[in-house]
PDB file of N, CA and C in Angstrom:
ATOM      1  N   MET A   1     -91.175  54.400  80.378  1.00  0.00           N
ATOM      2  CA  MET A   1     -90.214  54.731  79.330  1.00  0.00           C
ATOM      3  C   MET A   1     -88.780  54.515  79.815  1.00  0.00           C
ATOM      4  N   THR A   2     -88.519  54.863  81.063  1.00  0.00           N
ATOM      5  CA  THR A   2     -87.171  54.737  81.586  1.00  0.00           C
ATOM      6  C   THR A   2     -86.719  53.281  81.638  1.00  0.00           C
ATOM      7  N   ALA A   3     -87.568  52.391  82.136  1.00  0.00           N
ATOM      8  CA  ALA A   3     -87.210  50.974  82.201  1.00  0.00           C
ATOM      9  C   ALA A   3     -86.952  50.433  80.796  1.00  0.00           C
ATOM     10  N   HIS A   4     -87.726  50.918  79.837  1.00  0.00           N
ATOM     11  CA  HIS A   4     -87.535  50.495  78.445  1.00  0.00           C
ATOM     12  C   HIS A   4     -86.167  50.959  77.937  1.00  0.00           C
ATOM     13  N   ARG A   5     -85.773  52.179  78.259  1.00  0.00           N
ATOM     14  CA  ARG A   5     -84.461  52.681  77.826  1.00  0.00           C
ATOM     15  C   ARG A   5     -83.327  51.872  78.449  1.00  0.00           C
ATOM     16  N   VAL A   6     -83.454  51.569  79.723  1.00  0.00           N
ATOM     17  CA  VAL A   6     -82.427  50.768  80.387  1.00  0.00           C
ATOM     18  C   VAL A   6     -82.329  49.405  79.711  1.00  0.00           C
ATOM     19  N   MET A   7     -83.467  48.813  79.374  1.00  0.00           N
ATOM     20  CA  MET A   7     -83.483  47.524  78.690  1.00  0.00           C
ATOM     21  C   MET A   7     -82.788  47.621  77.322  1.00  0.00           C
ATOM     22  N   LEU A   8     -83.051  48.703  76.586  1.00  0.00           N
ATOM     23  CA  LEU A   8     -82.403  48.895  75.285  1.00  0.00           C
ATOM     24  C   LEU A   8     -80.892  49.038  75.430  1.00  0.00           C
ATOM     25  N   ILE A   9     -80.470  49.824  76.396  1.00  0.00           N
ATOM     26  CA  ILE A   9     -79.039  50.014  76.638  1.00  0.00           C
ATOM     27  C   ILE A   9     -78.400  48.679  77.002  1.00  0.00           C
ATOM     28  N   ARG A  10     -79.023  47.948  77.925  1.00  0.00           N
ATOM     29  CA  ARG A  10     -78.499  46.656  78.351  1.00  0.00           C
ATOM     30  C   ARG A  10     -78.390  45.692  77.170  1.00  0.00           C
ATOM     31  N   SER A  11     -79.414  45.630  76.354  1.00  0.00           N
ATOM     32  CA  SER A  11     -79.421  44.722  75.207  1.00  0.00           C
ATOM     33  C   SER A  11     -78.285  45.042  74.238  1.00  0.00           C
ATOM     34  N   ARG A  12     -78.116  46.310  73.934  1.00  0.00           N
ATOM     35  CA  ARG A  12     -77.057  46.716  72.992  1.00  0.00           C
ATOM     36  C   ARG A  12     -75.674  46.371  73.527  1.00  0.00           C
ATOM     37  N   LEU A  13     -75.447  46.678  74.806  1.00  0.00           N
ATOM     38  CA  LEU A  13     -74.128  46.446  75.387  1.00  0.00           C
ATOM     39  C   LEU A  13     -73.841  44.963  75.574  1.00  0.00           C
ATOM     40  N   GLU A  14     -74.847  44.193  75.961  1.00  0.00           N
ATOM     41  CA  GLU A  14     -74.639  42.744  76.103  1.00  0.00           C
ATOM     42  C   GLU A  14     -74.341  42.105  74.757  1.00  0.00           C
ATOM     43  N   THR A  15     -75.042  42.531  73.722  1.00  0.00           N
ATOM     44  CA  THR A  15     -74.815  41.991  72.380  1.00  0.00           C
ATOM     45  C   THR A  15     -73.420  42.345  71.871  1.00  0.00           C
ATOM     46  N   ALA A  16     -73.000  43.577  72.092  1.00  0.00           N
ATOM     47  CA  ALA A  16     -71.717  44.038  71.557  1.00  0.00           C
ATOM     48  C   ALA A  16     -70.511  43.500  72.322  1.00  0.00           C
ATOM     49  N   PHE A  17     -70.641  43.333  73.645  1.00  0.00           N
ATOM     50  CA  PHE A  17     -69.458  43.063  74.454  1.00  0.00           C
ATOM     51  C   PHE A  17     -69.493  41.784  75.295  1.00  0.00           C
ATOM     52  N   SER A  18     -70.621  41.137  75.447  1.00  0.00           N
ATOM     53  CA  SER A  18     -70.727  39.975  76.345  1.00  0.00           C
ATOM     54  C   SER A  18     -70.017  40.258  77.670  1.00  0.00           C
ATOM     55  N   PRO A  19     -70.433  41.289  78.365  1.00  0.00           N
ATOM     56  CA  PRO A  19     -69.703  41.713  79.565  1.00  0.00           C
ATOM     57  C   PRO A  19     -69.782  40.702  80.708  1.00  0.00           C
ATOM     58  N   VAL A  20     -68.734  40.705  81.536  1.00  0.00           N
ATOM     59  CA  VAL A  20     -68.745  39.897  82.754  1.00  0.00           C
ATOM     60  C   VAL A  20     -69.399  40.688  83.882  1.00  0.00           C
ATOM     61  N   GLU A  21     -69.501  41.992  83.709  1.00  0.00           N
ATOM     62  CA  GLU A  21     -70.187  42.860  84.666  1.00  0.00           C
ATOM     63  C   GLU A  21     -70.822  44.008  83.899  1.00  0.00           C
ATOM     64  N   LEU A  22     -72.064  44.321  84.233  1.00  0.00           N
ATOM     65  CA  LEU A  22     -72.757  45.433  83.590  1.00  0.00           C
ATOM     66  C   LEU A  22     -73.744  46.031  84.577  1.00  0.00           C
ATOM     67  N   GLU A  23     -73.544  47.300  84.881  1.00  0.00           N
ATOM     68  CA  GLU A  23     -74.454  48.037  85.746  1.00  0.00           C
ATOM     69  C   GLU A  23     -74.932  49.265  84.984  1.00  0.00           C
ATOM     70  N   ILE A  24     -76.229  49.503  85.021  1.00  0.00           N
ATOM     71  CA  ILE A  24     -76.809  50.666  84.358  1.00  0.00           C
ATOM     72  C   ILE A  24     -77.682  51.381  85.370  1.00  0.00           C
ATOM     73  N   ALA A  25     -77.415  52.656  85.575  1.00  0.00           N
ATOM     74  CA  ALA A  25     -78.213  53.450  86.502  1.00  0.00           C
ATOM     75  C   ALA A  25     -78.859  54.594  85.748  1.00  0.00           C
ATOM     76  N   ASP A  26     -80.150  54.749  85.939  1.00  0.00           N
ATOM     77  CA  ASP A  26     -80.873  55.872  85.361  1.00  0.00           C
ATOM     78  C   ASP A  26     -80.788  57.026  86.350  1.00  0.00           C
ATOM     79  N   GLU A  27     -80.113  58.088  85.968  1.00  0.00           N
ATOM     80  CA  GLU A  27     -79.948  59.250  86.827  1.00  0.00           C
ATOM     81  C   GLU A  27     -80.749  60.444  86.323  1.00  0.00           C
ATOM     82  N   SER A  28     -81.732  60.178  85.502  1.00  0.00           N
ATOM     83  CA  SER A  28     -82.521  61.253  84.901  1.00  0.00           C
ATOM     84  C   SER A  28     -83.181  62.137  85.948  1.00  0.00           C
ATOM     85  N   HIS A  29     -83.628  61.529  87.043  1.00  0.00           N
ATOM     86  CA  HIS A  29     -84.304  62.301  88.089  1.00  0.00           C
ATOM     87  C   HIS A  29     -83.395  63.364  88.703  1.00  0.00           C
ATOM     88  N   LEU A  30     -82.093  63.207  88.594  1.00  0.00           N
ATOM     89  CA  LEU A  30     -81.147  64.182  89.128  1.00  0.00           C
ATOM     90  C   LEU A  30     -80.995  65.393  88.219  1.00  0.00           C
ATOM     91  N   HIS A  31     -81.566  65.314  87.035  1.00  0.00           N
ATOM     92  CA  HIS A  31     -81.385  66.363  86.029  1.00  0.00           C
ATOM     93  C   HIS A  31     -82.705  66.988  85.592  1.00  0.00           C
ATOM     94  N   ALA A  32     -83.708  66.921  86.440  1.00  0.00           N
ATOM     95  CA  ALA A  32     -85.015  67.505  86.107  1.00  0.00           C
ATOM     96  C   ALA A  32     -84.843  68.974  85.739  1.00  0.00           C
ATOM     97  N   GLY A  33     -85.457  69.372  84.643  1.00  0.00           N
ATOM     98  CA  GLY A  33     -85.368  70.750  84.166  1.00  0.00           C
ATOM     99  C   GLY A  33     -84.191  71.012  83.253  1.00  0.00           C
ATOM    100  N   HIS A  34     -83.246  70.101  83.191  1.00  0.00           N
ATOM    101  CA  HIS A  34     -82.090  70.216  82.311  1.00  0.00           C
ATOM    102  C   HIS A  34     -82.560  70.082  80.864  1.00  0.00           C
ATOM    103  N   ALA A  35     -81.817  70.650  79.931  1.00  0.00           N
ATOM    104  CA  ALA A  35     -82.223  70.655  78.518  1.00  0.00           C
ATOM    105  C   ALA A  35     -82.576  69.260  78.011  1.00  0.00           C
ATOM    106  N   GLY A  36     -81.740  68.286  78.265  1.00  0.00           N
ATOM    107  CA  GLY A  36     -82.005  66.930  77.790  1.00  0.00           C
ATOM    108  C   GLY A  36     -83.252  66.344  78.406  1.00  0.00           C
ATOM    109  N   ALA A  37     -83.488  66.647  79.671  1.00  0.00           N
ATOM    110  CA  ALA A  37     -84.693  66.144  80.347  1.00  0.00           C
ATOM    111  C   ALA A  37     -85.942  66.758  79.725  1.00  0.00           C
ATOM    112  N   ARG A  38     -85.867  68.032  79.381  1.00  0.00           N
ATOM    113  CA  ARG A  38     -87.024  68.699  78.756  1.00  0.00           C
ATOM    114  C   ARG A  38     -87.335  68.084  77.394  1.00  0.00           C
ATOM    115  N   GLU A  39     -86.309  67.573  76.711  1.00  0.00           N
ATOM    116  CA  GLU A  39     -86.501  66.942  75.405  1.00  0.00           C
ATOM    117  C   GLU A  39     -86.964  65.497  75.535  1.00  0.00           C
ATOM    118  N   GLY A  40     -87.021  64.985  76.763  1.00  0.00           N
ATOM    119  CA  GLY A  40     -87.482  63.630  76.990  1.00  0.00           C
ATOM    120  C   GLY A  40     -86.393  62.570  76.949  1.00  0.00           C
ATOM    121  N   LYS A  41     -85.148  62.992  76.827  1.00  0.00           N
ATOM    122  CA  LYS A  41     -84.031  62.053  76.818  1.00  0.00           C
ATOM    123  C   LYS A  41     -83.556  61.816  78.242  1.00  0.00           C
ATOM    124  N   GLY A  42     -82.790  60.732  78.440  1.00  0.00           N
ATOM    125  CA  GLY A  42     -82.363  60.378  79.782  1.00  0.00           C
ATOM    126  C   GLY A  42     -80.888  60.591  80.046  1.00  0.00           C
ATOM    127  N   HIS A  43     -80.567  60.572  81.334  1.00  0.00           N
ATOM    128  CA  HIS A  43     -79.194  60.642  81.829  1.00  0.00           C
ATOM    129  C   HIS A  43     -78.887  59.300  82.481  1.00  0.00           C
ATOM    130  N   PHE A  44     -77.812  58.661  82.050  1.00  0.00           N
ATOM    131  CA  PHE A  44     -77.498  57.327  82.535  1.00  0.00           C
ATOM    132  C   PHE A  44     -76.034  57.206  82.929  1.00  0.00           C
ATOM    133  N   ARG A  45     -75.770  56.260  83.825  1.00  0.00           N
ATOM    134  CA  ARG A  45     -74.411  55.908  84.234  1.00  0.00           C
ATOM    135  C   ARG A  45     -74.245  54.421  83.937  1.00  0.00           C
ATOM    136  N   VAL A  46     -73.154  54.069  83.247  1.00  0.00           N
ATOM    137  CA  VAL A  46     -72.893  52.679  82.869  1.00  0.00           C
ATOM    138  C   VAL A  46     -71.521  52.269  83.391  1.00  0.00           C
ATOM    139  N   LYS A  47     -71.484  51.105  84.016  1.00  0.00           N
ATOM    140  CA  LYS A  47     -70.215  50.464  84.373  1.00  0.00           C
ATOM    141  C   LYS A  47     -70.219  49.129  83.653  1.00  0.00           C
ATOM    142  N   ILE A  48     -69.198  48.923  82.813  1.00  0.00           N
ATOM    143  CA  ILE A  48     -69.134  47.697  82.027  1.00  0.00           C
ATOM    144  C   ILE A  48     -67.713  47.137  82.070  1.00  0.00           C
ATOM    145  N   VAL A  49     -67.638  45.846  82.309  1.00  0.00           N
ATOM    146  CA  VAL A  49     -66.359  45.136  82.327  1.00  0.00           C
ATOM    147  C   VAL A  49     -66.456  44.029  81.281  1.00  0.00           C
ATOM    148  N   ALA A  50     -65.542  44.078  80.306  1.00  0.00           N
ATOM    149  CA  ALA A  50     -65.577  43.097  79.215  1.00  0.00           C
ATOM    150  C   ALA A  50     -64.185  42.897  78.643  1.00  0.00           C
ATOM    151  N   GLU A  51     -63.938  41.700  78.188  1.00  0.00           N
ATOM    152  CA  GLU A  51     -62.648  41.354  77.592  1.00  0.00           C
ATOM    153  C   GLU A  51     -62.347  42.232  76.373  1.00  0.00           C
ATOM    154  N   SER A  52     -63.381  42.696  75.696  1.00  0.00           N
ATOM    155  CA  SER A  52     -63.207  43.531  74.499  1.00  0.00           C
ATOM    156  C   SER A  52     -62.404  44.797  74.770  1.00  0.00           C
ATOM    157  N   PHE A  53     -62.344  45.227  76.035  1.00  0.00           N
ATOM    158  CA  PHE A  53     -61.645  46.466  76.376  1.00  0.00           C
ATOM    159  C   PHE A  53     -60.174  46.263  76.696  1.00  0.00           C
ATOM    160  N   ALA A  54     -59.718  45.019  76.719  1.00  0.00           N
ATOM    161  CA  ALA A  54     -58.312  44.735  77.022  1.00  0.00           C
ATOM    162  C   ALA A  54     -57.402  45.407  75.990  1.00  0.00           C
ATOM    163  N   GLY A  55     -56.391  46.083  76.470  1.00  0.00           N
ATOM    164  CA  GLY A  55     -55.416  46.725  75.591  1.00  0.00           C
ATOM    165  C   GLY A  55     -55.892  48.022  74.969  1.00  0.00           C
ATOM    166  N   LYS A  56     -57.079  48.484  75.330  1.00  0.00           N
ATOM    167  CA  LYS A  56     -57.631  49.718  74.764  1.00  0.00           C
ATOM    168  C   LYS A  56     -57.504  50.853  75.780  1.00  0.00           C
ATOM    169  N   GLY A  57     -57.265  52.042  75.287  1.00  0.00           N
ATOM    170  CA  GLY A  57     -57.218  53.217  76.151  1.00  0.00           C
ATOM    171  C   GLY A  57     -58.627  53.658  76.544  1.00  0.00           C
ATOM    172  N   ARG A  58     -58.703  54.530  77.540  1.00  0.00           N
ATOM    173  CA  ARG A  58     -59.987  54.991  78.058  1.00  0.00           C
ATOM    174  C   ARG A  58     -60.865  55.599  76.972  1.00  0.00           C
ATOM    175  N   LEU A  59     -60.314  56.472  76.172  1.00  0.00           N
ATOM    176  CA  LEU A  59     -61.089  57.117  75.115  1.00  0.00           C
ATOM    177  C   LEU A  59     -61.615  56.100  74.101  1.00  0.00           C
ATOM    178  N   GLU A  60     -60.785  55.160  73.715  1.00  0.00           N
ATOM    179  CA  GLU A  60     -61.217  54.137  72.756  1.00  0.00           C
ATOM    180  C   GLU A  60     -62.343  53.276  73.343  1.00  0.00           C
ATOM    181  N   ARG A  61     -62.239  52.931  74.631  1.00  0.00           N
ATOM    182  CA  ARG A  61     -63.295  52.142  75.280  1.00  0.00           C
ATOM    183  C   ARG A  61     -64.612  52.914  75.277  1.00  0.00           C
ATOM    184  N   HIS A  62     -64.553  54.203  75.571  1.00  0.00           N
ATOM    185  CA  HIS A  62     -65.766  55.026  75.556  1.00  0.00           C
ATOM    186  C   HIS A  62     -66.359  55.090  74.153  1.00  0.00           C
ATOM    187  N   ARG A  63     -65.524  55.262  73.172  1.00  0.00           N
ATOM    188  CA  ARG A  63     -66.008  55.310  71.784  1.00  0.00           C
ATOM    189  C   ARG A  63     -66.670  53.989  71.393  1.00  0.00           C
ATOM    190  N   MET A  64     -66.125  52.879  71.872  1.00  0.00           N
ATOM    191  CA  MET A  64     -66.714  51.569  71.582  1.00  0.00           C
ATOM    192  C   MET A  64     -68.117  51.464  72.182  1.00  0.00           C
ATOM    193  N   VAL A  65     -68.275  51.963  73.406  1.00  0.00           N
ATOM    194  CA  VAL A  65     -69.587  51.935  74.062  1.00  0.00           C
ATOM    195  C   VAL A  65     -70.566  52.816  73.296  1.00  0.00           C
ATOM    196  N   PHE A  66     -70.146  54.034  72.953  1.00  0.00           N
ATOM    197  CA  PHE A  66     -71.033  54.941  72.213  1.00  0.00           C
ATOM    198  C   PHE A  66     -71.425  54.343  70.868  1.00  0.00           C
ATOM    199  N   ALA A  67     -70.486  53.703  70.188  1.00  0.00           N
ATOM    200  CA  ALA A  67     -70.787  53.083  68.895  1.00  0.00           C
ATOM    201  C   ALA A  67     -71.792  51.945  69.062  1.00  0.00           C
ATOM    202  N   ALA A  68     -71.637  51.156  70.119  1.00  0.00           N
ATOM    203  CA  ALA A  68     -72.563  50.040  70.361  1.00  0.00           C
ATOM    204  C   ALA A  68     -73.978  50.548  70.626  1.00  0.00           C
ATOM    205  N   LEU A  69     -74.083  51.713  71.244  1.00  0.00           N
ATOM    206  CA  LEU A  69     -75.412  52.274  71.543  1.00  0.00           C
ATOM    207  C   LEU A  69     -76.037  52.936  70.317  1.00  0.00           C
ATOM    208  N   GLY A  70     -75.215  53.258  69.330  1.00  0.00           N
ATOM    209  CA  GLY A  70     -75.716  53.770  68.047  1.00  0.00           C
ATOM    210  C   GLY A  70     -76.679  54.928  68.176  1.00  0.00           C
ATOM    211  N   GLU A  71     -77.809  54.816  67.506  1.00  0.00           N
ATOM    212  CA  GLU A  71     -78.779  55.909  67.437  1.00  0.00           C
ATOM    213  C   GLU A  71     -79.416  56.231  68.782  1.00  0.00           C
ATOM    214  N   LEU A  72     -79.305  55.341  69.762  1.00  0.00           N
ATOM    215  CA  LEU A  72     -79.844  55.654  71.098  1.00  0.00           C
ATOM    216  C   LEU A  72     -79.181  56.913  71.666  1.00  0.00           C
ATOM    217  N   MET A  73     -77.938  57.155  71.251  1.00  0.00           N
ATOM    218  CA  MET A  73     -77.245  58.359  71.714  1.00  0.00           C
ATOM    219  C   MET A  73     -77.909  59.622  71.172  1.00  0.00           C
ATOM    220  N   GLN A  74     -78.645  59.510  70.101  1.00  0.00           N
ATOM    221  CA  GLN A  74     -79.342  60.661  69.526  1.00  0.00           C
ATOM    222  C   GLN A  74     -80.812  60.730  69.952  1.00  0.00           C
ATOM    223  N   THR A  75     -81.415  59.569  70.132  1.00  0.00           N
ATOM    224  CA  THR A  75     -82.866  59.525  70.343  1.00  0.00           C
ATOM    225  C   THR A  75     -83.295  59.367  71.796  1.00  0.00           C
ATOM    226  N   ASP A  76     -82.510  58.675  72.617  1.00  0.00           N
ATOM    227  CA  ASP A  76     -82.947  58.335  73.966  1.00  0.00           C
ATOM    228  C   ASP A  76     -82.006  58.783  75.083  1.00  0.00           C
ATOM    229  N   ILE A  77     -80.757  59.010  74.749  1.00  0.00           N
ATOM    230  CA  ILE A  77     -79.760  59.325  75.770  1.00  0.00           C
ATOM    231  C   ILE A  77     -79.261  60.751  75.576  1.00  0.00           C
ATOM    232  N   HIS A  78     -79.431  61.560  76.610  1.00  0.00           N
ATOM    233  CA  HIS A  78     -78.895  62.917  76.566  1.00  0.00           C
ATOM    234  C   HIS A  78     -77.476  62.944  77.134  1.00  0.00           C
ATOM    235  N   ALA A  79     -77.268  62.222  78.234  1.00  0.00           N
ATOM    236  CA  ALA A  79     -75.961  62.189  78.868  1.00  0.00           C
ATOM    237  C   ALA A  79     -75.654  60.763  79.324  1.00  0.00           C
ATOM    238  N   LEU A  80     -74.389  60.384  79.173  1.00  0.00           N
ATOM    239  CA  LEU A  80     -73.978  59.048  79.550  1.00  0.00           C
ATOM    240  C   LEU A  80     -72.605  59.112  80.210  1.00  0.00           C
ATOM    241  N   SER A  81     -72.538  58.661  81.446  1.00  0.00           N
ATOM    242  CA  SER A  81     -71.273  58.540  82.165  1.00  0.00           C
ATOM    243  C   SER A  81     -70.824  57.093  82.021  1.00  0.00           C
ATOM    244  N   VAL A  82     -69.620  56.878  81.533  1.00  0.00           N
ATOM    245  CA  VAL A  82     -69.146  55.525  81.233  1.00  0.00           C
ATOM    246  C   VAL A  82     -67.898  55.187  82.038  1.00  0.00           C
ATOM    247  N   THR A  83     -67.936  54.029  82.666  1.00  0.00           N
ATOM    248  CA  THR A  83     -66.759  53.394  83.229  1.00  0.00           C
ATOM    249  C   THR A  83     -66.650  52.062  82.511  1.00  0.00           C
ATOM    250  N   ALA A  84     -65.614  51.912  81.691  1.00  0.00           N
ATOM    251  CA  ALA A  84     -65.437  50.693  80.896  1.00  0.00           C
ATOM    252  C   ALA A  84     -64.026  50.169  81.134  1.00  0.00           C
ATOM    253  N   ALA A  85     -63.935  48.877  81.447  1.00  0.00           N
ATOM    254  CA  ALA A  85     -62.635  48.298  81.757  1.00  0.00           C
ATOM    255  C   ALA A  85     -62.609  46.825  81.384  1.00  0.00           C
ATOM    256  N   PRO A  86     -61.397  46.290  81.182  1.00  0.00           N
ATOM    257  CA  PRO A  86     -61.262  44.842  80.987  1.00  0.00           C
ATOM    258  C   PRO A  86     -61.344  44.142  82.341  1.00  0.00           C
ATOM    259  N   PRO A  87     -61.603  42.851  82.369  1.00  0.00           N
ATOM    260  CA  PRO A  87     -61.602  42.117  83.635  1.00  0.00           C
ATOM    261  C   PRO A  87     -60.219  42.154  84.276  1.00  0.00           C
ATOM    262  N   GLN A  88     -60.184  42.145  85.585  1.00  0.00           N
ATOM    263  CA  GLN A  88     -58.899  42.088  86.316  1.00  0.00           C
ATOM    264  C   GLN A  88     -58.380  40.666  86.285  1.00  0.00           C
ATOM    265  N   SER A  89     -57.098  40.507  86.115  1.00  0.00           N
ATOM    266  CA  SER A  89     -56.499  39.178  86.074  1.00  0.00           C
ATOM    267  C   SER A  89     -56.294  38.641  87.461  1.00  0.00           C
TER     268      SER A  89
END
């Protein structure tokens, strides 16, 4: 199930942003017994670098990532740590 969730997250983010860098880490094992883990949802860390984030503030970039993930934020993801940035010039 975890590999499937990572694949879903990757697919959504690649489609939305065409990132030059994308790292997804499943950290669910660090949260065993936590409320979200008991519900079967996962904890993930995402680092994404994409031109779409140029000129956007941190909060706006995070909102863009959450919007791209859509219903996964309700059904599959309990917690998500996001690092989102534009490419360095």
